[in-house]
Amino acid sequence: MNNLTVMDHPLISHKLALLRHQSTDGKAFRELVSEIAMLICYEATRDMKTHAVDVPTPLMTAKCQMITTDKPVIVPILRAGLGMVDGMLKILPSSKIGHIGMCRNHDTLQPEKYYCNLPADIGERTVFVLDPMLATGGSLAAAVSLLKESGAKNIKVLSIVGVEEGVNKVHEAHPDVHIYLGVMDEKLNEKGYILPGLGDAGDRLFGTE
């Protein structure tokens, strides 16, 4: 599938197994989400542009490469996306951070914005949208639309667990957006939960089960 990268790394596989386990407590769950986000971020930044620089070492000058123009902004989808922010900042410590809150309208069943705070220069930045679970894809597709309306042009979605239905929903609305997944799971249940999944990521992150 174009514009989709599913991670294939033993560290991510191992951490996902721990993350899924029903006995993993809140502290460990938060740490694992942060660590997996950091590992996915490594892959999602592979295409960042660099330029050559001369760096003086204690012995001589070294020819090195440094990131050129990619000014990142991290945008978690509230609330579960917040769990991925710390891991992203360990890789991209100079990032700006925006926030988008989405909820489902009880009458229309469509996602609606309840909060949005984004950097004014978002159109000049690479945007990393964070949501641990890519389930139906409705909220993420709506969030990407909101980002584009705000001027964002280079957008990447990072999720830990997803299903094909959610990926297709985002790509149908935004075929230009690259999605990075920790793992592709089997299906959604009748309530829209990912199976086998890991439960409700927000509840497990913040202890509100």
C-alpha atoms as a PDB file:
ATOM      1  CA  MET A   1       0.000   0.000   0.000  1.00  0.00           C
ATOM      2  CA  ASN A   2       1.372   3.410  -0.968  1.00  0.00           C
ATOM      3  CA  ASN A   3       2.173   5.885   1.785  1.00  0.00           C
ATOM      4  CA  LEU A   4       2.074   3.232   4.501  1.00  0.00           C
ATOM      5  CA  THR A   5       5.000   1.938   6.541  1.00  0.00           C
ATOM      6  CA  VAL A   6       4.396  -0.851   9.048  1.00  0.00           C
ATOM      7  CA  MET A   7       7.311  -1.339  11.419  1.00  0.00           C
ATOM      8  CA  ASP A   8       9.270  -4.572  11.241  1.00  0.00           C
ATOM      9  CA  HIS A   9      11.739  -4.453  14.108  1.00  0.00           C
ATOM     10  CA  PRO A  10      12.285  -6.862  17.014  1.00  0.00           C
ATOM     11  CA  LEU A  11      12.414  -4.061  19.599  1.00  0.00           C
ATOM     12  CA  ILE A  12       9.001  -2.757  18.541  1.00  0.00           C
ATOM     13  CA  SER A  13       7.563  -6.283  18.409  1.00  0.00           C
ATOM     14  CA  HIS A  14       8.832  -7.021  21.923  1.00  0.00           C
ATOM     15  CA  LYS A  15       7.524  -3.762  23.373  1.00  0.00           C
ATOM     16  CA  LEU A  16       4.161  -4.239  21.646  1.00  0.00           C
ATOM     17  CA  ALA A  17       3.784  -7.645  23.286  1.00  0.00           C
ATOM     18  CA  LEU A  18       4.309  -6.032  26.693  1.00  0.00           C
ATOM     19  CA  LEU A  19       2.014  -3.133  25.804  1.00  0.00           C
ATOM     20  CA  ARG A  20      -0.843  -5.434  24.832  1.00  0.00           C
ATOM     21  CA  HIS A  21      -0.716  -7.520  28.007  1.00  0.00           C
ATOM     22  CA  GLN A  22      -3.706  -6.914  30.252  1.00  0.00           C
ATOM     23  CA  SER A  23      -1.554  -7.019  33.384  1.00  0.00           C
ATOM     24  CA  THR A  24       0.772  -4.177  32.258  1.00  0.00           C
ATOM     25  CA  ASP A  25       0.245  -1.377  34.782  1.00  0.00           C
ATOM     26  CA  GLY A  26      -0.166   2.312  34.015  1.00  0.00           C
ATOM     27  CA  LYS A  27       3.442   3.295  34.640  1.00  0.00           C
ATOM     28  CA  ALA A  28       4.839   0.567  32.396  1.00  0.00           C
ATOM     29  CA  PHE A  29       2.164   1.245  29.767  1.00  0.00           C
ATOM     30  CA  ARG A  30       3.113   4.939  29.571  1.00  0.00           C
ATOM     31  CA  GLU A  31       6.801   4.094  29.310  1.00  0.00           C
ATOM     32  CA  LEU A  32       6.175   1.571  26.537  1.00  0.00           C
ATOM     33  CA  VAL A  33       4.002   3.974  24.525  1.00  0.00           C
ATOM     34  CA  SER A  34       6.740   6.595  24.777  1.00  0.00           C
ATOM     35  CA  GLU A  35       9.466   4.125  23.760  1.00  0.00           C
ATOM     36  CA  ILE A  36       7.509   2.769  20.787  1.00  0.00           C
ATOM     37  CA  ALA A  37       6.725   6.309  19.635  1.00  0.00           C
ATOM     38  CA  MET A  38      10.440   7.092  19.737  1.00  0.00           C
ATOM     39  CA  LEU A  39      11.237   4.039  17.599  1.00  0.00           C
ATOM     40  CA  ILE A  40       8.512   4.848  15.050  1.00  0.00           C
ATOM     41  CA  CYS A  41       9.756   8.442  14.944  1.00  0.00           C
ATOM     42  CA  TYR A  42      13.186   7.155  13.930  1.00  0.00           C
ATOM     43  CA  GLU A  43      11.674   5.670  10.770  1.00  0.00           C
ATOM     44  CA  ALA A  44       9.331   8.602  10.106  1.00  0.00           C
ATOM     45  CA  THR A  45      12.266  11.031  10.022  1.00  0.00           C
ATOM     46  CA  ARG A  46      14.312   8.991   7.548  1.00  0.00           C
ATOM     47  CA  ASP A  47      13.642  11.423   4.673  1.00  0.00           C
ATOM     48  CA  MET A  48      14.682  14.588   6.499  1.00  0.00           C
ATOM     49  CA  LYS A  49      17.011  16.690   4.379  1.00  0.00           C
ATOM     50  CA  THR A  50      20.581  17.265   5.551  1.00  0.00           C
ATOM     51  CA  HIS A  51      23.492  19.457   4.573  1.00  0.00           C
ATOM     52  CA  ALA A  52      27.250  19.051   4.909  1.00  0.00           C
ATOM     53  CA  VAL A  53      29.084  20.755   7.775  1.00  0.00           C
ATOM     54  CA  ASP A  54      32.660  20.747   9.032  1.00  0.00           C
ATOM     55  CA  VAL A  55      32.874  19.816  12.707  1.00  0.00           C
ATOM     56  CA  PRO A  56      36.109  20.268  14.702  1.00  0.00           C
ATOM     57  CA  THR A  57      36.842  17.152  16.757  1.00  0.00           C
ATOM     58  CA  PRO A  58      39.642  16.937  19.374  1.00  0.00           C
ATOM     59  CA  LEU A  59      41.876  15.489  16.630  1.00  0.00           C
ATOM     60  CA  MET A  60      40.845  17.022  13.288  1.00  0.00           C
ATOM     61  CA  THR A  61      37.908  18.360  11.274  1.00  0.00           C
ATOM     62  CA  ALA A  62      35.169  15.864  10.398  1.00  0.00           C
ATOM     63  CA  LYS A  63      32.807  16.033   7.434  1.00  0.00           C
ATOM     64  CA  CYS A  64      29.323  15.615   8.932  1.00  0.00           C
ATOM     65  CA  GLN A  65      25.664  15.965   8.007  1.00  0.00           C
ATOM     66  CA  MET A  66      23.065  18.018   9.889  1.00  0.00           C
ATOM     67  CA  ILE A  67      19.332  18.482   9.350  1.00  0.00           C
ATOM     68  CA  THR A  68      18.632  21.359   6.992  1.00  0.00           C
ATOM     69  CA  THR A  69      15.142  22.839   6.826  1.00  0.00           C
ATOM     70  CA  ASP A  70      12.708  20.358   8.344  1.00  0.00           C
ATOM     71  CA  LYS A  71      11.252  22.254  11.302  1.00  0.00           C
ATOM     72  CA  PRO A  72       9.063  19.688  13.063  1.00  0.00           C
ATOM     73  CA  VAL A  73       5.824  20.231  14.912  1.00  0.00           C
ATOM     74  CA  ILE A  74       4.302  17.430  16.981  1.00  0.00           C
ATOM     75  CA  VAL A  75       0.493  17.356  17.112  1.00  0.00           C
ATOM     76  CA  PRO A  76      -1.059  14.783  19.466  1.00  0.00           C
ATOM     77  CA  ILE A  77      -4.755  13.997  19.087  1.00  0.00           C
ATOM     78  CA  LEU A  78      -6.216  14.417  22.563  1.00  0.00           C
ATOM     79  CA  ARG A  79      -6.102  12.641  24.741  1.00  0.00           C
ATOM     80  CA  ALA A  80      -4.298   9.385  23.962  1.00  0.00           C
ATOM     81  CA  GLY A  81      -1.851  11.062  21.589  1.00  0.00           C
ATOM     82  CA  LEU A  82      -0.300  12.835  24.558  1.00  0.00           C
ATOM     83  CA  GLY A  83       1.293   9.542  25.599  1.00  0.00           C
ATOM     84  CA  MET A  84       3.498   9.577  22.498  1.00  0.00           C
ATOM     85  CA  VAL A  85       4.817  13.132  22.874  1.00  0.00           C
ATOM     86  CA  ASP A  86       7.732  12.481  25.257  1.00  0.00           C
ATOM     87  CA  GLY A  87       9.147   9.750  23.040  1.00  0.00           C
ATOM     88  CA  MET A  88       8.953  12.030  20.000  1.00  0.00           C
ATOM     89  CA  LEU A  89      10.684  14.847  21.871  1.00  0.00           C
ATOM     90  CA  LYS A  90      13.610  12.591  22.701  1.00  0.00           C
ATOM     91  CA  ILE A  91      14.265  12.321  18.959  1.00  0.00           C
ATOM     92  CA  LEU A  92      13.115  15.837  17.974  1.00  0.00           C
ATOM     93  CA  PRO A  93      13.773  17.985  21.066  1.00  0.00           C
ATOM     94  CA  SER A  94      13.424  21.316  19.243  1.00  0.00           C
ATOM     95  CA  SER A  95       9.906  20.561  18.003  1.00  0.00           C
ATOM     96  CA  LYS A  96       6.986  22.864  18.515  1.00  0.00           C
ATOM     97  CA  ILE A  97       3.868  21.182  19.895  1.00  0.00           C
ATOM     98  CA  GLY A  98       0.282  21.726  18.803  1.00  0.00           C
ATOM     99  CA  HIS A  99      -2.857  20.049  20.114  1.00  0.00           C
ATOM    100  CA  ILE A 100      -6.094  18.897  18.495  1.00  0.00           C
ATOM    101  CA  GLY A 101      -9.083  17.603  20.431  1.00  0.00           C
ATOM    102  CA  MET A 102     -11.674  15.529  18.550  1.00  0.00           C
ATOM    103  CA  CYS A 103     -14.888  13.952  19.824  1.00  0.00           C
ATOM    104  CA  ARG A 104     -17.781  12.130  18.195  1.00  0.00           C
ATOM    105  CA  ASN A 105     -21.081  13.990  17.773  1.00  0.00           C
ATOM    106  CA  HIS A 106     -23.758  11.817  19.392  1.00  0.00           C
ATOM    107  CA  ASP A 107     -26.359  12.766  16.771  1.00  0.00           C
ATOM    108  CA  THR A 108     -24.336  12.606  13.549  1.00  0.00           C
ATOM    109  CA  LEU A 109     -21.698  10.133  14.834  1.00  0.00           C
ATOM    110  CA  GLN A 110     -19.122  12.243  12.987  1.00  0.00           C
ATOM    111  CA  PRO A 111     -15.894  13.517  14.601  1.00  0.00           C
ATOM    112  CA  GLU A 112     -15.946  17.162  15.670  1.00  0.00           C
ATOM    113  CA  LYS A 113     -13.233  19.493  16.895  1.00  0.00           C
ATOM    114  CA  TYR A 114     -13.496  20.699  20.497  1.00  0.00           C
ATOM    115  CA  TYR A 115      -9.978  22.137  20.792  1.00  0.00           C
ATOM    116  CA  CYS A 116      -7.254  23.256  18.400  1.00  0.00           C
ATOM    117  CA  ASN A 117      -4.016  25.121  19.135  1.00  0.00           C
ATOM    118  CA  LEU A 118      -1.347  25.061  16.422  1.00  0.00           C
ATOM    119  CA  PRO A 119       1.848  27.025  15.687  1.00  0.00           C
ATOM    120  CA  ALA A 120       1.275  30.014  13.405  1.00  0.00           C
ATOM    121  CA  ASP A 121       4.031  28.865  11.044  1.00  0.00           C
ATOM    122  CA  ILE A 122       2.720  25.315  10.658  1.00  0.00           C
ATOM    123  CA  GLY A 123       2.768  25.652   6.865  1.00  0.00           C
ATOM    124  CA  GLU A 124       6.568  25.806   6.978  1.00  0.00           C
ATOM    125  CA  ARG A 125       6.949  22.710   9.142  1.00  0.00           C
ATOM    126  CA  THR A 126       6.836  18.927   8.931  1.00  0.00           C
ATOM    127  CA  VAL A 127       3.815  17.882  10.998  1.00  0.00           C
ATOM    128  CA  PHE A 128       3.816  14.621  12.961  1.00  0.00           C
ATOM    129  CA  VAL A 129       0.259  13.712  14.008  1.00  0.00           C
ATOM    130  CA  LEU A 130       0.133  11.312  16.949  1.00  0.00           C
ATOM    131  CA  ASP A 131      -2.615   8.881  17.894  1.00  0.00           C
ATOM    132  CA  PRO A 132      -1.776   5.451  19.373  1.00  0.00           C
ATOM    133  CA  MET A 133      -4.829   3.772  17.831  1.00  0.00           C
ATOM    134  CA  LEU A 134      -5.829   4.062  14.164  1.00  0.00           C
ATOM    135  CA  ALA A 135      -9.218   2.361  14.396  1.00  0.00           C
ATOM    136  CA  THR A 136     -12.065   3.703  12.218  1.00  0.00           C
ATOM    137  CA  GLY A 137      -9.825   6.532  11.006  1.00  0.00           C
ATOM    138  CA  GLY A 138     -12.579   9.136  11.272  1.00  0.00           C
ATOM    139  CA  SER A 139     -10.939  11.320  13.912  1.00  0.00           C
ATOM    140  CA  LEU A 140      -7.509  11.172  12.296  1.00  0.00           C
ATOM    141  CA  ALA A 141      -8.888  12.029   8.853  1.00  0.00           C
ATOM    142  CA  ALA A 142     -10.778  14.973  10.342  1.00  0.00           C
ATOM    143  CA  ALA A 143      -7.679  16.121  12.233  1.00  0.00           C
ATOM    144  CA  VAL A 144      -5.590  16.044   9.050  1.00  0.00           C
ATOM    145  CA  SER A 145      -8.270  18.087   7.274  1.00  0.00           C
ATOM    146  CA  LEU A 146      -8.086  20.639  10.080  1.00  0.00           C
ATOM    147  CA  LEU A 147      -4.307  20.780   9.782  1.00  0.00           C
ATOM    148  CA  LYS A 148      -4.512  21.382   6.047  1.00  0.00           C
ATOM    149  CA  GLU A 149      -7.081  24.134   6.591  1.00  0.00           C
ATOM    150  CA  SER A 150      -4.563  25.707   8.976  1.00  0.00           C
ATOM    151  CA  GLY A 151      -1.900  25.680   6.255  1.00  0.00           C
ATOM    152  CA  ALA A 152      -0.015  22.431   6.914  1.00  0.00           C
ATOM    153  CA  LYS A 153       1.428  20.860   3.769  1.00  0.00           C
ATOM    154  CA  ASN A 154       3.818  18.104   4.891  1.00  0.00           C
ATOM    155  CA  ILE A 155       1.905  15.797   7.248  1.00  0.00           C
ATOM    156  CA  LYS A 156       2.783  12.367   8.634  1.00  0.00           C
ATOM    157  CA  VAL A 157       0.583  10.194  10.863  1.00  0.00           C
ATOM    158  CA  LEU A 158       2.190   8.038  13.565  1.00  0.00           C
ATOM    159  CA  SER A 159       0.135   5.319  15.278  1.00  0.00           C
ATOM    160  CA  ILE A 160       1.113   2.308  17.329  1.00  0.00           C
ATOM    161  CA  VAL A 161      -1.730  -0.072  16.412  1.00  0.00           C
ATOM    162  CA  GLY A 162      -3.963   0.186  13.365  1.00  0.00           C
ATOM    163  CA  VAL A 163      -6.318  -1.738  11.100  1.00  0.00           C
ATOM    164  CA  GLU A 164      -6.768  -1.632   7.345  1.00  0.00           C
ATOM    165  CA  GLU A 165     -10.172   0.047   7.645  1.00  0.00           C
ATOM    166  CA  GLY A 166      -8.680   3.032   9.457  1.00  0.00           C
ATOM    167  CA  VAL A 167      -5.706   3.269   7.107  1.00  0.00           C
ATOM    168  CA  ASN A 168      -8.049   3.259   4.100  1.00  0.00           C
ATOM    169  CA  LYS A 169     -10.266   5.931   5.660  1.00  0.00           C
ATOM    170  CA  VAL A 170      -7.326   8.305   6.122  1.00  0.00           C
ATOM    171  CA  HIS A 171      -5.872   7.570   2.688  1.00  0.00           C
ATOM    172  CA  GLU A 172      -9.200   8.021   0.917  1.00  0.00           C
ATOM    173  CA  ALA A 173      -9.441  11.522   2.364  1.00  0.00           C
ATOM    174  CA  HIS A 174      -5.715  12.302   2.265  1.00  0.00           C
ATOM    175  CA  PRO A 175      -3.770  10.135  -0.208  1.00  0.00           C
ATOM    176  CA  ASP A 176      -0.731  12.399   0.195  1.00  0.00           C
ATOM    177  CA  VAL A 177      -0.293  11.635   3.906  1.00  0.00           C
ATOM    178  CA  HIS A 178       2.180   8.930   4.909  1.00  0.00           C
ATOM    179  CA  ILE A 179       1.081   6.661   7.773  1.00  0.00           C
ATOM    180  CA  TYR A 180       3.586   4.937  10.067  1.00  0.00           C
ATOM    181  CA  LEU A 181       2.218   2.008  12.100  1.00  0.00           C
ATOM    182  CA  GLY A 182       3.802  -0.062  14.810  1.00  0.00           C
ATOM    183  CA  VAL A 183       1.631  -3.017  13.806  1.00  0.00           C
ATOM    184  CA  MET A 184      -1.370  -3.774  11.593  1.00  0.00           C
ATOM    185  CA  ASP A 185      -4.020  -5.680  13.546  1.00  0.00           C
ATOM    186  CA  GLU A 186      -6.811  -7.939  12.320  1.00  0.00           C
ATOM    187  CA  LYS A 187     -10.101  -6.037  12.506  1.00  0.00           C
ATOM    188  CA  LEU A 188     -12.533  -3.833  14.433  1.00  0.00           C
ATOM    189  CA  ASN A 189     -15.266  -5.217  16.680  1.00  0.00           C
ATOM    190  CA  GLU A 190     -18.860  -3.979  16.609  1.00  0.00           C
ATOM    191  CA  LYS A 191     -17.958  -1.128  18.978  1.00  0.00           C
ATOM    192  CA  GLY A 192     -15.041   0.063  16.860  1.00  0.00           C
ATOM    193  CA  TYR A 193     -12.294  -1.360  19.080  1.00  0.00           C
ATOM    194  CA  ILE A 194      -9.212  -2.849  17.432  1.00  0.00           C
ATOM    195  CA  LEU A 195      -8.805  -6.628  17.768  1.00  0.00           C
ATOM    196  CA  PRO A 196      -6.648  -8.028  19.256  1.00  0.00           C
ATOM    197  CA  GLY A 197      -5.548  -4.476  20.085  1.00  0.00           C
ATOM    198  CA  LEU A 198      -4.568  -3.351  23.539  1.00  0.00           C
ATOM    199  CA  GLY A 199      -7.809  -2.008  24.992  1.00  0.00           C
ATOM    200  CA  ASP A 200      -8.538   1.701  25.329  1.00  0.00           C
ATOM    201  CA  ALA A 201      -5.156   3.451  25.071  1.00  0.00           C
ATOM    202  CA  GLY A 202      -6.381   6.630  26.755  1.00  0.00           C
ATOM    203  CA  ASP A 203      -7.832   4.777  29.731  1.00  0.00           C
ATOM    204  CA  ARG A 204      -4.701   2.707  30.175  1.00  0.00           C
ATOM    205  CA  LEU A 205      -2.435   5.738  29.847  1.00  0.00           C
ATOM    206  CA  PHE A 206      -4.303   7.884  32.346  1.00  0.00           C
ATOM    207  CA  GLY A 207      -5.838   5.311  34.686  1.00  0.00           C
ATOM    208  CA  THR A 208      -9.471   6.077  33.837  1.00  0.00           C
ATOM    209  CA  GLU A 209     -10.651   2.540  33.126  1.00  0.00           C
END
